[in-house]
Amino acid sequence: MTARRKLIRRTALAATAGVAALVLAACGGDSDSGGHDMGSMASDSSPSASASASAKAGGHGDADVDFATEMIQHHRQAVDMADLAADRASSQEVKALATKIKGAQDPEIKTMSGWLTSWGEEVPADMSGMKGHDMSSGMPGMMSNEDMDKLEKASGAEFDKLFLEMMVEHHEGAIEMAETEKADGEYGPATKLADDVITAQTAEIEQMNKMLGKS
């Protein structure tokens, strides 16, 4: 666990302990409590009970933070690849697929960025278009700078083939990341998004392999 996350958790634990101490003090000072325990005090109408239930429902862990942080960067590269298709692809089918990919992944980037902000985590800087910054390490399916340069310089049928081959690999990496989130994640919306990524990108892989004549 990073030092930042440890600090956040220590702060949260300290705040929780403080709230618990105040509640216990209030219980001790109420002579008419009739021996009610903490469980009976936490009724559905209690603000503290509602807050606790809400926190539990929206709880997240390290796996969720890692998934959002890495998938944002992964999606950004897919969007960059899709943008290249507009004036380089010769196939209308490739262009349509690129538009579909961008249309799906742009909103997901915004959603995951919102999660990170709400969790007090940093949204990764957009380094996808910066020369000299290789994003391929550490995330499955990511293209290297050399790969992206090759795709950027291609056009016509050559671009179509490269785009499809690279995007299949890219999608396979995204599915691997999504499967990890489904196995280890705690935040419901994140595991749901992971499931959506697996469903959508598996279908697109099948489509792209057909376009490549592989199935």
N, C-alpha and C. Protein backbone atom coordinates (compact mmCIF):
# COMPACT_ATOMS: atom_id res chain seq x y z
N MET A 1 0.86 -1.19 0.00
CA MET A 1 0.00 0.00 0.00
C MET A 1 0.90 1.24 0.00
N THR A 2 0.55 2.26 -0.79
CA THR A 2 1.36 3.47 -0.86
C THR A 2 1.27 4.26 0.42
N ALA A 3 2.27 5.13 0.64
CA ALA A 3 2.28 5.96 1.84
C ALA A 3 1.07 6.87 1.86
N ARG A 4 0.65 7.34 0.69
CA ARG A 4 -0.53 8.23 0.61
C ARG A 4 -1.77 7.51 1.11
N ARG A 5 -1.96 6.26 0.65
CA ARG A 5 -3.15 5.53 1.07
C ARG A 5 -3.11 5.22 2.55
N LYS A 6 -1.90 4.89 3.08
CA LYS A 6 -1.78 4.64 4.51
C LYS A 6 -2.18 5.86 5.32
N LEU A 7 -1.73 7.05 4.85
CA LEU A 7 -2.06 8.29 5.54
C LEU A 7 -3.56 8.53 5.52
N ILE A 8 -4.18 8.30 4.34
CA ILE A 8 -5.63 8.51 4.22
C ILE A 8 -6.37 7.56 5.16
N ARG A 9 -5.93 6.32 5.21
CA ARG A 9 -6.61 5.35 6.07
C ARG A 9 -6.42 5.67 7.54
N ARG A 10 -5.20 6.12 7.93
CA ARG A 10 -4.98 6.49 9.33
C ARG A 10 -5.87 7.66 9.71
N THR A 11 -6.00 8.62 8.79
CA THR A 11 -6.86 9.78 9.06
C THR A 11 -8.31 9.36 9.22
N ALA A 12 -8.75 8.46 8.32
CA ALA A 12 -10.13 7.98 8.39
C ALA A 12 -10.38 7.20 9.67
N LEU A 13 -9.41 6.37 10.09
CA LEU A 13 -9.57 5.60 11.32
C LEU A 13 -9.64 6.51 12.54
N ALA A 14 -8.81 7.55 12.52
CA ALA A 14 -8.80 8.48 13.64
C ALA A 14 -10.15 9.20 13.74
N ALA A 15 -10.68 9.58 12.58
CA ALA A 15 -11.98 10.27 12.56
C ALA A 15 -13.08 9.33 13.05
N THR A 16 -13.02 8.07 12.64
CA THR A 16 -14.02 7.09 13.07
C THR A 16 -13.95 6.88 14.57
N ALA A 17 -12.72 6.79 15.10
CA ALA A 17 -12.56 6.60 16.55
C ALA A 17 -13.13 7.78 17.32
N GLY A 18 -12.93 8.98 16.77
CA GLY A 18 -13.46 10.18 17.43
C GLY A 18 -14.97 10.17 17.48
N VAL A 19 -15.60 9.78 16.38
CA VAL A 19 -17.06 9.71 16.34
C VAL A 19 -17.57 8.68 17.32
N ALA A 20 -16.89 7.52 17.39
CA ALA A 20 -17.31 6.46 18.30
C ALA A 20 -17.21 6.92 19.75
N ALA A 21 -16.15 7.67 20.08
CA ALA A 21 -15.98 8.16 21.45
C ALA A 21 -17.11 9.11 21.83
N LEU A 22 -17.49 9.99 20.89
CA LEU A 22 -18.58 10.92 21.17
C LEU A 22 -19.90 10.19 21.39
N VAL A 23 -20.16 9.16 20.57
CA VAL A 23 -21.40 8.40 20.72
C VAL A 23 -21.43 7.67 22.05
N LEU A 24 -20.29 7.08 22.46
CA LEU A 24 -20.22 6.38 23.74
C LEU A 24 -20.44 7.33 24.90
N ALA A 25 -19.86 8.53 24.79
CA ALA A 25 -20.02 9.52 25.85
C ALA A 25 -21.49 9.92 25.98
N ALA A 26 -22.14 10.06 24.84
CA ALA A 26 -23.56 10.43 24.85
C ALA A 26 -24.39 9.33 25.49
N CYS A 27 -24.04 8.07 25.21
CA CYS A 27 -24.78 6.95 25.79
C CYS A 27 -24.61 6.91 27.30
N GLY A 28 -23.36 7.16 27.75
CA GLY A 28 -23.07 7.11 29.19
C GLY A 28 -23.79 8.20 29.95
N GLY A 29 -24.05 9.31 29.31
CA GLY A 29 -24.66 10.45 30.01
C GLY A 29 -26.17 10.42 29.97
N ASP A 30 -26.76 9.43 29.32
CA ASP A 30 -28.21 9.38 29.19
C ASP A 30 -28.76 8.36 30.17
N SER A 31 -29.29 8.82 31.31
CA SER A 31 -29.77 7.92 32.35
C SER A 31 -31.06 7.24 31.96
N ASP A 32 -31.75 7.77 30.90
CA ASP A 32 -33.02 7.20 30.48
C ASP A 32 -32.87 6.25 29.30
N SER A 33 -31.61 5.87 29.05
CA SER A 33 -31.39 5.04 27.86
C SER A 33 -31.94 3.65 28.04
N GLY A 34 -32.18 3.25 29.31
CA GLY A 34 -32.78 1.94 29.52
C GLY A 34 -31.87 0.81 29.12
N GLY A 35 -30.55 1.07 29.15
CA GLY A 35 -29.59 0.02 28.83
C GLY A 35 -29.51 -0.29 27.36
N HIS A 36 -29.98 0.60 26.48
CA HIS A 36 -29.88 0.36 25.04
C HIS A 36 -28.43 0.24 24.64
N ASP A 37 -28.12 -0.73 23.79
CA ASP A 37 -26.75 -0.85 23.30
C ASP A 37 -26.61 -0.05 22.01
N MET A 38 -25.37 -0.09 21.46
CA MET A 38 -25.08 0.70 20.27
C MET A 38 -25.94 0.25 19.09
N GLY A 39 -26.22 -1.07 19.03
CA GLY A 39 -26.99 -1.57 17.89
C GLY A 39 -28.39 -1.01 17.89
N SER A 40 -29.01 -0.90 19.08
CA SER A 40 -30.38 -0.40 19.13
C SER A 40 -30.43 1.09 18.85
N MET A 41 -29.33 1.80 19.14
CA MET A 41 -29.32 3.25 18.87
C MET A 41 -29.22 3.52 17.38
N ALA A 42 -28.54 2.61 16.65
CA ALA A 42 -28.32 2.86 15.22
C ALA A 42 -29.55 2.46 14.43
N SER A 43 -30.62 3.19 14.60
CA SER A 43 -31.86 2.91 13.88
C SER A 43 -31.76 3.42 12.47
N ASP A 44 -32.72 3.03 11.65
CA ASP A 44 -32.71 3.45 10.25
C ASP A 44 -32.83 4.96 10.12
N SER A 45 -33.44 5.60 11.13
CA SER A 45 -33.65 7.04 11.04
C SER A 45 -32.47 7.82 11.58
N SER A 46 -31.50 7.13 12.17
CA SER A 46 -30.33 7.80 12.75
C SER A 46 -29.40 8.29 11.66
N PRO A 47 -28.99 9.57 11.71
CA PRO A 47 -28.06 10.09 10.71
C PRO A 47 -26.76 9.30 10.66
N SER A 48 -26.25 8.91 11.85
CA SER A 48 -24.99 8.18 11.87
C SER A 48 -25.16 6.80 11.24
N ALA A 49 -26.32 6.18 11.46
CA ALA A 49 -26.57 4.87 10.84
C ALA A 49 -26.66 5.00 9.33
N SER A 50 -27.33 6.06 8.87
CA SER A 50 -27.47 6.29 7.43
C SER A 50 -26.10 6.52 6.80
N ALA A 51 -25.27 7.30 7.48
CA ALA A 51 -23.94 7.59 6.96
C ALA A 51 -23.11 6.32 6.90
N SER A 52 -23.25 5.47 7.94
CA SER A 52 -22.50 4.22 7.97
C SER A 52 -22.93 3.31 6.84
N ALA A 53 -24.25 3.21 6.62
CA ALA A 53 -24.75 2.36 5.54
C ALA A 53 -24.28 2.88 4.19
N SER A 54 -24.30 4.21 4.04
CA SER A 54 -23.86 4.82 2.79
C SER A 54 -22.39 4.54 2.54
N ALA A 55 -21.58 4.65 3.60
CA ALA A 55 -20.14 4.42 3.45
C ALA A 55 -19.87 2.98 3.04
N LYS A 56 -20.65 2.05 3.66
CA LYS A 56 -20.47 0.64 3.33
C LYS A 56 -20.84 0.38 1.87
N ALA A 57 -21.94 0.98 1.43
CA ALA A 57 -22.40 0.77 0.06
C ALA A 57 -21.41 1.33 -0.95
N GLY A 58 -20.74 2.41 -0.59
CA GLY A 58 -19.81 3.04 -1.52
C GLY A 58 -18.37 2.76 -1.21
N GLY A 59 -18.11 1.72 -0.39
CA GLY A 59 -16.76 1.41 0.01
C GLY A 59 -15.89 1.00 -1.17
N HIS A 60 -14.64 1.32 -1.10
CA HIS A 60 -13.71 0.95 -2.16
C HIS A 60 -12.39 0.55 -1.54
N GLY A 61 -11.58 -0.15 -2.30
CA GLY A 61 -10.29 -0.60 -1.83
C GLY A 61 -9.18 -0.26 -2.81
N ASP A 62 -7.99 -0.75 -2.50
CA ASP A 62 -6.83 -0.47 -3.35
C ASP A 62 -7.03 -0.97 -4.78
N ALA A 63 -7.68 -2.14 -4.92
CA ALA A 63 -7.89 -2.70 -6.25
C ALA A 63 -8.75 -1.78 -7.11
N ASP A 64 -9.74 -1.13 -6.48
CA ASP A 64 -10.61 -0.20 -7.21
C ASP A 64 -9.84 1.04 -7.66
N VAL A 65 -8.98 1.55 -6.77
CA VAL A 65 -8.17 2.72 -7.12
C VAL A 65 -7.22 2.37 -8.27
N ASP A 66 -6.57 1.22 -8.17
CA ASP A 66 -5.64 0.79 -9.22
C ASP A 66 -6.37 0.61 -10.55
N PHE A 67 -7.54 0.00 -10.49
CA PHE A 67 -8.32 -0.24 -11.72
C PHE A 67 -8.66 1.08 -12.39
N ALA A 68 -9.21 2.02 -11.64
CA ALA A 68 -9.61 3.31 -12.22
C ALA A 68 -8.41 4.06 -12.75
N THR A 69 -7.33 4.11 -11.97
CA THR A 69 -6.13 4.85 -12.37
C THR A 69 -5.53 4.29 -13.66
N GLU A 70 -5.41 2.98 -13.72
CA GLU A 70 -4.78 2.36 -14.88
C GLU A 70 -5.71 2.31 -16.09
N MET A 71 -7.00 2.06 -15.85
CA MET A 71 -7.92 1.97 -16.98
C MET A 71 -8.14 3.33 -17.63
N ILE A 72 -8.04 4.40 -16.86
CA ILE A 72 -8.12 5.74 -17.46
C ILE A 72 -7.01 5.89 -18.50
N GLN A 73 -5.80 5.53 -18.12
CA GLN A 73 -4.66 5.66 -19.04
C GLN A 73 -4.79 4.70 -20.22
N HIS A 74 -5.28 3.51 -19.94
CA HIS A 74 -5.48 2.51 -20.99
C HIS A 74 -6.51 3.01 -22.01
N HIS A 75 -7.63 3.52 -21.50
CA HIS A 75 -8.68 4.06 -22.38
C HIS A 75 -8.17 5.26 -23.19
N ARG A 76 -7.37 6.11 -22.55
CA ARG A 76 -6.87 7.29 -23.27
C ARG A 76 -6.07 6.88 -24.50
N GLN A 77 -5.27 5.82 -24.37
CA GLN A 77 -4.49 5.39 -25.53
C GLN A 77 -5.41 4.82 -26.62
N ALA A 78 -6.45 4.10 -26.21
CA ALA A 78 -7.39 3.58 -27.19
C ALA A 78 -8.08 4.72 -27.94
N VAL A 79 -8.41 5.77 -27.22
CA VAL A 79 -9.03 6.94 -27.85
C VAL A 79 -8.05 7.60 -28.83
N ASP A 80 -6.78 7.71 -28.44
CA ASP A 80 -5.76 8.27 -29.34
C ASP A 80 -5.66 7.44 -30.62
N MET A 81 -5.68 6.11 -30.47
CA MET A 81 -5.63 5.23 -31.63
C MET A 81 -6.87 5.42 -32.51
N ALA A 82 -8.01 5.54 -31.87
CA ALA A 82 -9.26 5.73 -32.61
C ALA A 82 -9.26 7.05 -33.37
N ASP A 83 -8.69 8.09 -32.76
CA ASP A 83 -8.64 9.40 -33.42
C ASP A 83 -7.84 9.34 -34.73
N LEU A 84 -6.82 8.49 -34.76
CA LEU A 84 -5.98 8.39 -35.96
C LEU A 84 -6.75 7.83 -37.15
N ALA A 85 -7.78 7.05 -36.86
CA ALA A 85 -8.52 6.38 -37.94
C ALA A 85 -9.29 7.34 -38.83
N ALA A 86 -9.65 8.49 -38.29
CA ALA A 86 -10.49 9.43 -39.03
C ALA A 86 -9.91 9.80 -40.39
N ASP A 87 -8.60 10.09 -40.45
CA ASP A 87 -8.01 10.50 -41.73
C ASP A 87 -6.94 9.56 -42.25
N ARG A 88 -6.83 8.38 -41.61
CA ARG A 88 -5.81 7.43 -42.08
C ARG A 88 -6.42 6.11 -42.57
N ALA A 89 -7.54 5.72 -42.01
CA ALA A 89 -8.16 4.45 -42.40
C ALA A 89 -8.79 4.55 -43.78
N SER A 90 -8.76 3.44 -44.49
CA SER A 90 -9.41 3.41 -45.80
C SER A 90 -10.76 2.71 -45.72
N SER A 91 -10.92 1.86 -44.73
CA SER A 91 -12.16 1.09 -44.56
C SER A 91 -13.18 1.88 -43.74
N GLN A 92 -14.38 1.99 -44.26
CA GLN A 92 -15.45 2.65 -43.50
C GLN A 92 -15.80 1.85 -42.25
N GLU A 93 -15.62 0.54 -42.33
CA GLU A 93 -15.91 -0.32 -41.18
C GLU A 93 -14.91 -0.04 -40.05
N VAL A 94 -13.66 0.18 -40.41
CA VAL A 94 -12.64 0.51 -39.40
C VAL A 94 -12.96 1.88 -38.79
N LYS A 95 -13.32 2.83 -39.65
CA LYS A 95 -13.66 4.16 -39.15
C LYS A 95 -14.86 4.11 -38.20
N ALA A 96 -15.86 3.32 -38.56
CA ALA A 96 -17.05 3.21 -37.72
C ALA A 96 -16.71 2.56 -36.38
N LEU A 97 -15.85 1.54 -36.42
CA LEU A 97 -15.44 0.88 -35.18
C LEU A 97 -14.66 1.85 -34.29
N ALA A 98 -13.77 2.62 -34.90
CA ALA A 98 -12.99 3.59 -34.13
C ALA A 98 -13.90 4.61 -33.46
N THR A 99 -14.91 5.07 -34.17
CA THR A 99 -15.86 6.02 -33.60
C THR A 99 -16.62 5.40 -32.43
N LYS A 100 -16.99 4.13 -32.59
CA LYS A 100 -17.70 3.41 -31.53
C LYS A 100 -16.82 3.27 -30.29
N ILE A 101 -15.56 2.93 -30.49
CA ILE A 101 -14.64 2.76 -29.36
C ILE A 101 -14.46 4.07 -28.60
N LYS A 102 -14.25 5.14 -29.34
CA LYS A 102 -14.09 6.44 -28.69
C LYS A 102 -15.36 6.85 -27.96
N GLY A 103 -16.51 6.60 -28.59
CA GLY A 103 -17.79 6.97 -27.98
C GLY A 103 -18.06 6.23 -26.69
N ALA A 104 -17.55 5.02 -26.57
CA ALA A 104 -17.75 4.23 -25.35
C ALA A 104 -16.74 4.60 -24.26
N GLN A 105 -15.50 4.80 -24.66
CA GLN A 105 -14.43 4.94 -23.67
C GLN A 105 -14.25 6.35 -23.13
N ASP A 106 -14.58 7.36 -23.91
CA ASP A 106 -14.50 8.74 -23.41
C ASP A 106 -15.37 8.94 -22.16
N PRO A 107 -16.65 8.52 -22.19
CA PRO A 107 -17.47 8.69 -21.00
C PRO A 107 -16.97 7.87 -19.80
N GLU A 108 -16.39 6.70 -20.08
CA GLU A 108 -15.87 5.87 -19.00
C GLU A 108 -14.66 6.53 -18.33
N ILE A 109 -13.86 7.23 -19.11
CA ILE A 109 -12.74 7.98 -18.55
C ILE A 109 -13.26 9.04 -17.58
N LYS A 110 -14.30 9.74 -17.98
CA LYS A 110 -14.88 10.78 -17.12
C LYS A 110 -15.46 10.16 -15.84
N THR A 111 -16.14 9.02 -15.98
CA THR A 111 -16.71 8.34 -14.81
C THR A 111 -15.63 7.93 -13.82
N MET A 112 -14.58 7.30 -14.31
CA MET A 112 -13.51 6.82 -13.43
C MET A 112 -12.73 7.98 -12.82
N SER A 113 -12.59 9.07 -13.56
CA SER A 113 -11.93 10.26 -13.01
C SER A 113 -12.75 10.81 -11.85
N GLY A 114 -14.08 10.78 -11.98
CA GLY A 114 -14.96 11.23 -10.90
C GLY A 114 -14.81 10.37 -9.66
N TRP A 115 -14.66 9.06 -9.85
CA TRP A 115 -14.46 8.17 -8.70
C TRP A 115 -13.18 8.55 -7.95
N LEU A 116 -12.10 8.70 -8.69
CA LEU A 116 -10.82 9.00 -8.05
C LEU A 116 -10.89 10.31 -7.28
N THR A 117 -11.52 11.31 -7.87
CA THR A 117 -11.66 12.60 -7.20
C THR A 117 -12.46 12.45 -5.91
N SER A 118 -13.56 11.69 -5.97
CA SER A 118 -14.40 11.52 -4.78
C SER A 118 -13.70 10.71 -3.69
N TRP A 119 -12.72 9.90 -4.08
CA TRP A 119 -11.96 9.10 -3.11
C TRP A 119 -10.75 9.84 -2.56
N GLY A 120 -10.52 11.05 -3.02
CA GLY A 120 -9.35 11.80 -2.58
C GLY A 120 -8.06 11.34 -3.25
N GLU A 121 -8.19 10.67 -4.39
CA GLU A 121 -7.03 10.19 -5.14
C GLU A 121 -6.77 11.10 -6.35
N GLU A 122 -5.55 11.07 -6.84
CA GLU A 122 -5.20 11.91 -7.99
C GLU A 122 -5.63 11.24 -9.29
N VAL A 123 -6.20 12.03 -10.16
CA VAL A 123 -6.50 11.56 -11.51
C VAL A 123 -5.20 11.63 -12.30
N PRO A 124 -4.79 10.55 -12.95
CA PRO A 124 -3.51 10.57 -13.67
C PRO A 124 -3.49 11.63 -14.76
N ALA A 125 -2.34 12.28 -14.89
CA ALA A 125 -2.19 13.29 -15.93
C ALA A 125 -2.27 12.61 -17.29
N ASP A 126 -2.79 13.33 -18.26
CA ASP A 126 -2.92 12.78 -19.61
C ASP A 126 -1.58 12.89 -20.33
N MET A 127 -0.85 11.79 -20.34
CA MET A 127 0.47 11.75 -20.97
C MET A 127 0.43 11.01 -22.30
N SER A 128 -0.75 10.60 -22.71
CA SER A 128 -0.87 9.70 -23.87
C SER A 128 -0.31 10.29 -25.16
N GLY A 129 -0.44 11.59 -25.34
CA GLY A 129 0.03 12.19 -26.58
C GLY A 129 1.41 12.79 -26.51
N MET A 130 2.07 12.63 -25.37
CA MET A 130 3.39 13.25 -25.19
C MET A 130 4.50 12.36 -25.72
N LYS A 131 5.31 12.91 -26.55
CA LYS A 131 6.44 12.17 -27.11
C LYS A 131 7.46 11.91 -25.99
N GLY A 132 8.07 10.74 -26.05
CA GLY A 132 9.10 10.41 -25.08
C GLY A 132 8.56 9.81 -23.80
N HIS A 133 7.24 9.74 -23.66
CA HIS A 133 6.65 9.14 -22.45
C HIS A 133 5.99 7.84 -22.85
N ASP A 134 6.69 6.73 -22.57
CA ASP A 134 6.20 5.42 -22.97
C ASP A 134 5.26 4.88 -21.90
N MET A 135 4.02 4.64 -22.28
CA MET A 135 3.00 4.18 -21.34
C MET A 135 2.82 2.67 -21.35
N SER A 136 3.67 1.96 -22.11
CA SER A 136 3.43 0.54 -22.32
C SER A 136 3.77 -0.33 -21.12
N SER A 137 4.64 0.16 -20.23
CA SER A 137 5.06 -0.68 -19.11
C SER A 137 4.01 -0.71 -18.01
N GLY A 138 3.82 -1.89 -17.43
CA GLY A 138 2.96 -2.02 -16.26
C GLY A 138 1.50 -2.30 -16.54
N MET A 139 1.03 -2.09 -17.76
CA MET A 139 -0.37 -2.34 -18.08
C MET A 139 -0.46 -3.24 -19.30
N PRO A 140 -1.22 -4.32 -19.20
CA PRO A 140 -1.31 -5.25 -20.33
C PRO A 140 -2.00 -4.63 -21.53
N GLY A 141 -1.47 -4.95 -22.71
CA GLY A 141 -2.09 -4.50 -23.95
C GLY A 141 -1.74 -3.10 -24.40
N MET A 142 -0.95 -2.38 -23.61
CA MET A 142 -0.60 -1.01 -23.99
C MET A 142 0.43 -1.00 -25.12
N MET A 143 0.25 -0.09 -26.05
CA MET A 143 1.19 0.07 -27.14
C MET A 143 2.39 0.91 -26.69
N SER A 144 3.55 0.57 -27.23
CA SER A 144 4.75 1.36 -26.95
C SER A 144 4.76 2.61 -27.82
N ASN A 145 5.68 3.52 -27.53
CA ASN A 145 5.82 4.71 -28.38
C ASN A 145 6.14 4.31 -29.82
N GLU A 146 6.95 3.27 -29.96
CA GLU A 146 7.31 2.81 -31.30
C GLU A 146 6.07 2.31 -32.04
N ASP A 147 5.21 1.58 -31.34
CA ASP A 147 3.97 1.10 -31.94
C ASP A 147 3.09 2.26 -32.39
N MET A 148 2.94 3.25 -31.51
CA MET A 148 2.09 4.39 -31.82
C MET A 148 2.64 5.21 -32.98
N ASP A 149 3.96 5.35 -33.04
CA ASP A 149 4.60 6.07 -34.16
C ASP A 149 4.34 5.33 -35.48
N LYS A 150 4.43 4.01 -35.41
CA LYS A 150 4.21 3.20 -36.61
C LYS A 150 2.77 3.34 -37.10
N LEU A 151 1.84 3.33 -36.15
CA LEU A 151 0.43 3.49 -36.52
C LEU A 151 0.16 4.88 -37.07
N GLU A 152 0.76 5.88 -36.47
CA GLU A 152 0.55 7.27 -36.90
C GLU A 152 1.07 7.51 -38.32
N LYS A 153 2.13 6.80 -38.69
CA LYS A 153 2.74 6.99 -40.01
C LYS A 153 2.07 6.17 -41.10
N ALA A 154 1.25 5.23 -40.71
CA ALA A 154 0.59 4.35 -41.68
C ALA A 154 -0.66 5.01 -42.25
N SER A 155 -1.12 4.49 -43.38
CA SER A 155 -2.36 4.99 -43.98
C SER A 155 -2.95 3.90 -44.86
N GLY A 156 -4.22 4.10 -45.21
CA GLY A 156 -4.88 3.17 -46.11
C GLY A 156 -5.00 1.77 -45.52
N ALA A 157 -4.85 0.77 -46.38
CA ALA A 157 -5.01 -0.63 -45.97
C ALA A 157 -3.99 -1.02 -44.92
N GLU A 158 -2.80 -0.45 -45.01
CA GLU A 158 -1.76 -0.75 -44.00
C GLU A 158 -2.22 -0.28 -42.62
N PHE A 159 -2.78 0.92 -42.57
CA PHE A 159 -3.30 1.43 -41.30
C PHE A 159 -4.41 0.54 -40.77
N ASP A 160 -5.33 0.17 -41.65
CA ASP A 160 -6.46 -0.66 -41.22
C ASP A 160 -5.98 -1.93 -40.53
N LYS A 161 -5.02 -2.60 -41.14
CA LYS A 161 -4.50 -3.86 -40.60
C LYS A 161 -3.79 -3.62 -39.27
N LEU A 162 -2.93 -2.61 -39.21
CA LEU A 162 -2.21 -2.30 -37.97
C LEU A 162 -3.16 -1.92 -36.85
N PHE A 163 -4.13 -1.08 -37.19
CA PHE A 163 -5.09 -0.63 -36.19
C PHE A 163 -5.84 -1.80 -35.58
N LEU A 164 -6.33 -2.69 -36.42
CA LEU A 164 -7.09 -3.83 -35.94
C LEU A 164 -6.23 -4.77 -35.09
N GLU A 165 -5.03 -5.04 -35.55
CA GLU A 165 -4.14 -5.94 -34.81
C GLU A 165 -3.79 -5.35 -33.44
N MET A 166 -3.46 -4.06 -33.44
CA MET A 166 -3.08 -3.40 -32.19
C MET A 166 -4.28 -3.28 -31.25
N MET A 167 -5.45 -2.98 -31.81
CA MET A 167 -6.61 -2.79 -30.95
C MET A 167 -7.09 -4.12 -30.37
N VAL A 168 -6.91 -5.21 -31.07
CA VAL A 168 -7.22 -6.52 -30.51
C VAL A 168 -6.35 -6.76 -29.28
N GLU A 169 -5.05 -6.51 -29.43
CA GLU A 169 -4.12 -6.69 -28.30
C GLU A 169 -4.48 -5.74 -27.16
N HIS A 170 -4.84 -4.51 -27.51
CA HIS A 170 -5.19 -3.51 -26.50
C HIS A 170 -6.44 -3.94 -25.73
N HIS A 171 -7.43 -4.42 -26.45
CA HIS A 171 -8.67 -4.89 -25.82
C HIS A 171 -8.40 -6.10 -24.92
N GLU A 172 -7.56 -7.00 -25.37
CA GLU A 172 -7.23 -8.18 -24.56
C GLU A 172 -6.62 -7.76 -23.23
N GLY A 173 -5.78 -6.72 -23.27
CA GLY A 173 -5.19 -6.20 -22.04
C GLY A 173 -6.24 -5.58 -21.14
N ALA A 174 -7.18 -4.85 -21.72
CA ALA A 174 -8.25 -4.23 -20.93
C ALA A 174 -9.10 -5.29 -20.26
N ILE A 175 -9.38 -6.37 -20.97
CA ILE A 175 -10.17 -7.47 -20.39
C ILE A 175 -9.43 -8.09 -19.22
N GLU A 176 -8.14 -8.27 -19.36
CA GLU A 176 -7.33 -8.82 -18.26
C GLU A 176 -7.42 -7.92 -17.02
N MET A 177 -7.31 -6.62 -17.22
CA MET A 177 -7.42 -5.66 -16.12
C MET A 177 -8.81 -5.70 -15.49
N ALA A 178 -9.83 -5.81 -16.34
CA ALA A 178 -11.21 -5.85 -15.84
C ALA A 178 -11.47 -7.12 -15.05
N GLU A 179 -10.90 -8.23 -15.46
CA GLU A 179 -11.07 -9.48 -14.73
C GLU A 179 -10.44 -9.39 -13.34
N THR A 180 -9.30 -8.70 -13.25
CA THR A 180 -8.65 -8.49 -11.95
C THR A 180 -9.54 -7.66 -11.04
N GLU A 181 -10.17 -6.63 -11.60
CA GLU A 181 -11.08 -5.79 -10.81
C GLU A 181 -12.28 -6.60 -10.34
N LYS A 182 -12.82 -7.44 -11.20
CA LYS A 182 -13.97 -8.25 -10.80
C LYS A 182 -13.61 -9.21 -9.67
N ALA A 183 -12.38 -9.69 -9.68
CA ALA A 183 -11.94 -10.64 -8.65
C ALA A 183 -11.60 -9.96 -7.34
N ASP A 184 -10.98 -8.77 -7.42
CA ASP A 184 -10.43 -8.12 -6.22
C ASP A 184 -11.14 -6.84 -5.79
N GLY A 185 -11.96 -6.27 -6.67
CA GLY A 185 -12.57 -4.98 -6.38
C GLY A 185 -13.67 -5.07 -5.33
N GLU A 186 -13.92 -3.92 -4.67
CA GLU A 186 -14.94 -3.82 -3.64
C GLU A 186 -16.06 -2.84 -4.00
N TYR A 187 -15.76 -1.91 -4.91
CA TYR A 187 -16.69 -0.84 -5.24
C TYR A 187 -17.64 -1.30 -6.33
N GLY A 188 -18.93 -1.40 -6.02
CA GLY A 188 -19.91 -1.94 -6.93
C GLY A 188 -19.90 -1.35 -8.33
N PRO A 189 -19.94 -0.01 -8.46
CA PRO A 189 -19.93 0.58 -9.80
C PRO A 189 -18.67 0.23 -10.60
N ALA A 190 -17.54 0.06 -9.92
CA ALA A 190 -16.29 -0.28 -10.61
C ALA A 190 -16.32 -1.72 -11.12
N THR A 191 -16.82 -2.64 -10.30
CA THR A 191 -16.91 -4.03 -10.75
C THR A 191 -17.95 -4.17 -11.86
N LYS A 192 -18.99 -3.34 -11.80
CA LYS A 192 -20.00 -3.34 -12.88
C LYS A 192 -19.39 -2.83 -14.18
N LEU A 193 -18.58 -1.76 -14.09
CA LEU A 193 -17.92 -1.24 -15.27
C LEU A 193 -16.95 -2.28 -15.84
N ALA A 194 -16.24 -2.96 -14.95
CA ALA A 194 -15.34 -4.01 -15.40
C ALA A 194 -16.09 -5.08 -16.19
N ASP A 195 -17.25 -5.45 -15.71
CA ASP A 195 -18.08 -6.44 -16.40
C ASP A 195 -18.51 -5.92 -17.77
N ASP A 196 -18.86 -4.63 -17.84
CA ASP A 196 -19.26 -4.03 -19.11
C ASP A 196 -18.09 -4.01 -20.10
N VAL A 197 -16.89 -3.72 -19.59
CA VAL A 197 -15.69 -3.70 -20.44
C VAL A 197 -15.45 -5.09 -21.04
N ILE A 198 -15.57 -6.11 -20.21
CA ILE A 198 -15.35 -7.48 -20.68
C ILE A 198 -16.35 -7.84 -21.77
N THR A 199 -17.62 -7.52 -21.54
CA THR A 199 -18.67 -7.85 -22.51
C THR A 199 -18.47 -7.12 -23.84
N ALA A 200 -18.29 -5.79 -23.76
CA ALA A 200 -18.18 -4.97 -24.97
C ALA A 200 -16.92 -5.28 -25.76
N GLN A 201 -15.80 -5.39 -25.05
CA GLN A 201 -14.53 -5.54 -25.76
C GLN A 201 -14.32 -6.96 -26.27
N THR A 202 -14.93 -7.94 -25.62
CA THR A 202 -14.88 -9.30 -26.16
C THR A 202 -15.61 -9.35 -27.50
N ALA A 203 -16.76 -8.68 -27.57
CA ALA A 203 -17.52 -8.62 -28.82
C ALA A 203 -16.73 -7.89 -29.91
N GLU A 204 -16.05 -6.81 -29.52
CA GLU A 204 -15.27 -6.05 -30.51
C GLU A 204 -14.06 -6.83 -30.99
N ILE A 205 -13.46 -7.63 -30.11
CA ILE A 205 -12.34 -8.48 -30.54
C ILE A 205 -12.81 -9.47 -31.60
N GLU A 206 -13.97 -10.06 -31.38
CA GLU A 206 -14.53 -11.00 -32.35
C GLU A 206 -14.78 -10.30 -33.69
N GLN A 207 -15.31 -9.08 -33.61
CA GLN A 207 -15.57 -8.31 -34.82
C GLN A 207 -14.27 -7.99 -35.55
N MET A 208 -13.25 -7.57 -34.81
CA MET A 208 -11.98 -7.20 -35.45
C MET A 208 -11.26 -8.40 -36.03
N ASN A 209 -11.34 -9.55 -35.37
CA ASN A 209 -10.72 -10.75 -35.92
C ASN A 209 -11.40 -11.17 -37.22
N LYS A 210 -12.71 -10.98 -37.31
CA LYS A 210 -13.42 -11.25 -38.57
C LYS A 210 -12.95 -10.30 -39.66
N MET A 211 -12.77 -9.04 -39.30
CA MET A 211 -12.30 -8.06 -40.26
C MET A 211 -10.90 -8.37 -40.74
N LEU A 212 -10.11 -9.01 -39.87
CA LEU A 212 -8.75 -9.40 -40.23
C LEU A 212 -8.72 -10.74 -40.96
N GLY A 213 -9.88 -11.37 -41.07
CA GLY A 213 -9.96 -12.66 -41.75
C GLY A 213 -9.47 -13.82 -40.90
N LYS A 214 -9.49 -13.62 -39.58
CA LYS A 214 -8.98 -14.66 -38.68
C LYS A 214 -10.09 -15.55 -38.14
N SER A 215 -11.32 -15.17 -38.39
CA SER A 215 -12.43 -16.00 -37.91
C SER A 215 -13.66 -15.79 -38.79
